[in-house]
Protein backbone atom coordinates (compact mmCIF):
# COMPACT_ATOMS: atom_id res chain seq x y z
CA MET A 1 48.90 35.80 22.04
CA THR A 2 47.59 32.38 21.15
CA SER A 3 49.15 30.12 18.60
CA ARG A 4 46.93 28.54 15.99
CA THR A 5 47.45 25.06 14.66
CA PRO A 6 47.93 25.15 10.89
CA PRO A 7 44.99 23.47 9.11
CA ASP A 8 47.27 20.75 7.70
CA ASP A 9 48.16 19.69 11.26
CA ALA A 10 44.51 19.40 12.37
CA HIS A 11 43.76 16.11 10.62
CA PRO A 12 45.80 13.93 13.01
CA TYR A 13 43.95 15.47 15.96
CA LEU A 14 40.59 14.79 14.35
CA ARG A 15 41.62 11.19 13.69
CA ALA A 16 42.74 10.85 17.32
CA ALA A 17 39.41 12.22 18.57
CA SER A 18 37.54 9.74 16.36
CA ALA A 19 39.74 6.91 17.66
CA GLY A 20 38.92 7.97 21.22
CA VAL A 21 35.18 7.86 20.50
CA ARG A 22 35.54 4.42 18.85
CA HIS A 23 37.50 3.13 21.85
CA HIS A 24 34.87 4.39 24.27
CA THR A 25 32.10 2.85 22.16
CA ARG A 26 33.83 -0.54 22.31
CA ALA A 27 34.48 -0.17 26.06
CA TRP A 28 30.81 0.67 26.66
CA ALA A 29 29.59 -2.41 24.75
CA PRO A 30 28.09 -5.08 27.01
CA SER A 31 30.09 -8.24 27.61
CA ASP A 32 30.35 -10.96 30.27
CA GLU A 33 32.61 -8.83 32.46
CA ASN A 34 30.97 -5.55 31.51
CA PRO A 35 27.16 -5.76 31.79
CA LEU A 36 24.79 -3.39 30.02
CA ARG A 37 24.43 -0.20 32.04
CA PRO A 38 22.61 3.08 31.49
CA ALA A 39 24.37 6.31 30.61
CA ASP A 40 25.31 8.59 33.45
CA ARG A 41 25.59 12.35 33.67
CA LEU A 42 29.37 12.35 33.31
CA HIS A 43 29.19 10.49 30.00
CA LEU A 44 26.46 12.75 28.66
CA ASP A 45 28.41 15.85 29.69
CA VAL A 46 31.52 14.65 27.82
CA LEU A 47 29.45 13.54 24.82
CA HIS A 48 27.73 16.95 24.74
CA ALA A 49 31.15 18.64 24.75
CA HIS A 50 32.20 16.48 21.82
CA LEU A 51 29.00 17.22 19.87
CA THR A 52 29.21 20.97 20.41
CA THR A 53 32.86 20.98 19.31
CA LEU A 54 31.88 19.11 16.14
CA HIS A 55 29.05 21.63 15.76
CA GLN A 56 31.59 24.48 15.72
CA LEU A 57 33.80 22.62 13.25
CA LEU A 58 30.91 21.98 10.85
CA ASP A 59 29.89 25.62 11.10
CA ARG A 60 33.35 26.75 10.03
CA LEU A 61 33.57 24.13 7.27
CA ALA A 62 30.15 25.14 5.91
CA GLU A 63 31.11 28.83 5.90
CA SER A 64 34.37 28.25 4.07
CA THR A 65 32.99 25.67 1.63
CA ARG A 66 29.79 27.48 0.62
CA PRO A 67 31.28 30.26 -1.56
CA PRO A 68 33.29 28.04 -3.94
CA HIS A 69 30.96 24.99 -3.69
CA PRO A 70 27.43 26.13 -2.73
CA THR A 71 25.77 22.71 -2.81
CA ALA A 72 28.44 21.03 -0.69
CA GLY A 73 28.37 23.99 1.70
CA ARG A 74 24.60 23.65 2.07
CA HIS A 75 24.95 19.95 2.94
CA LEU A 76 27.50 20.86 5.60
CA ALA A 77 25.14 23.54 6.93
CA ILE A 78 22.37 20.94 7.19
CA ALA A 79 24.74 18.60 9.04
CA HIS A 80 25.53 21.55 11.36
CA THR A 81 21.82 21.90 12.14
CA ARG A 82 21.32 18.15 12.70
CA LEU A 83 24.32 18.04 15.03
CA TRP A 84 22.76 20.86 17.04
CA GLN A 85 19.59 18.77 17.33
CA ALA A 86 21.63 15.81 18.58
CA ALA A 87 23.41 18.00 21.16
CA SER A 88 20.06 19.40 22.27
CA GLU A 89 18.68 15.90 22.86
CA VAL A 90 21.80 14.90 24.83
CA HIS A 91 21.39 18.06 26.93
CA SER A 92 17.76 17.15 27.63
CA ALA A 93 18.70 13.57 28.53
CA PHE A 94 21.36 14.89 30.93
CA HIS A 95 18.71 16.76 32.90
CA LEU A 96 16.37 13.77 32.94
CA LEU A 97 18.89 11.40 34.53
CA PRO A 98 18.52 11.02 38.28
CA SER A 99 20.87 12.78 40.65
CA THR A 100 22.35 11.19 43.75
CA THR A 101 20.61 13.60 46.17
CA ALA A 102 17.43 15.66 46.17
CA ALA A 103 19.47 18.88 46.48
CA GLN A 104 21.48 17.94 43.40
CA ALA A 105 18.27 17.13 41.52
CA GLU A 106 16.88 20.62 42.16
CA ALA A 107 20.21 22.28 41.40
CA SER A 108 20.58 20.31 38.17
CA ALA A 109 17.33 21.46 36.62
CA CYS A 110 17.87 23.66 33.60
CA HIS A 111 16.71 27.19 34.43
CA PRO A 112 17.16 29.57 31.49
CA GLU A 113 16.54 32.59 33.73
CA ARG A 114 19.58 31.86 35.93
CA LEU A 115 22.85 29.97 35.89
CA PRO A 116 22.93 26.49 37.42
CA GLU A 117 24.72 26.18 40.74
CA GLY A 118 27.82 24.24 39.76
CA PRO A 119 29.59 21.62 37.65
CA PRO A 120 28.79 19.61 35.63
CA VAL A 121 25.41 21.32 35.21
CA LEU A 122 26.93 24.78 34.93
CA THR A 123 29.32 23.55 32.26
CA ILE A 124 26.81 21.69 30.08
CA CYS A 125 24.20 24.45 30.28
CA GLN A 126 26.68 27.22 29.44
CA ARG A 127 28.05 25.17 26.54
CA HIS A 128 24.53 24.45 25.32
CA LEU A 129 23.51 28.09 25.57
CA ALA A 130 26.55 29.18 23.53
CA ALA A 131 25.85 26.57 20.84
CA GLY A 132 22.20 27.64 20.82
CA HIS A 133 23.13 31.25 20.08
CA SER A 134 25.27 30.09 17.18
CA ILE A 135 22.57 27.93 15.60
CA ARG A 136 19.84 30.56 16.00
CA ARG A 137 21.92 33.17 14.17
CA LYS A 138 22.26 30.91 11.14
CA THR A 139 19.02 28.96 10.91
CA THR A 140 15.29 29.51 10.84
CA PRO A 141 12.71 27.81 13.08
CA THR A 142 11.73 25.70 10.07
CA ASP A 143 15.30 24.45 9.76
CA LEU A 144 15.21 23.36 13.41
CA ARG A 145 12.11 21.20 13.09
CA PRO A 146 12.73 17.50 13.61
CA HIS A 147 14.27 15.93 10.55
CA THR A 148 12.61 12.99 8.89
CA THR A 149 13.77 11.14 5.86
CA ALA A 150 11.78 8.89 3.62
CA CYS A 151 13.25 6.48 1.16
CA VAL A 152 11.32 6.82 -2.08
CA ARG A 153 12.05 4.33 -4.81
């Protein structure tokens, strides 16, 4: 039996997660002691986990908001789709970053026909596959096209 956190208690956890992301953003900012450096696979794996968790949260919020407030629910559903697109790009970037050895580079390639050989590739690909199933059940290919906005005045 698993215990569920009452919805009223979830807000402090969400604020703490946001504070953690803000802290990491500040820590990653270049400074005299901390030069600009490229992302690494570990950071992209953790960021992908964060994005897919937000993806699940937005899915649930959209589902519960849509019946009483259809327009607000639709906006949340669109945010759900855009967050999937962001997670998909992070997943792609993860696989494009160099590995430390040639064997790791081959093992880290994303092969949809089989599972990757081990962490963190196994983890990110499984997480991405699960999120992909969720988004494909609720969206159309048109919804998944790249989003562009134009400011018209």
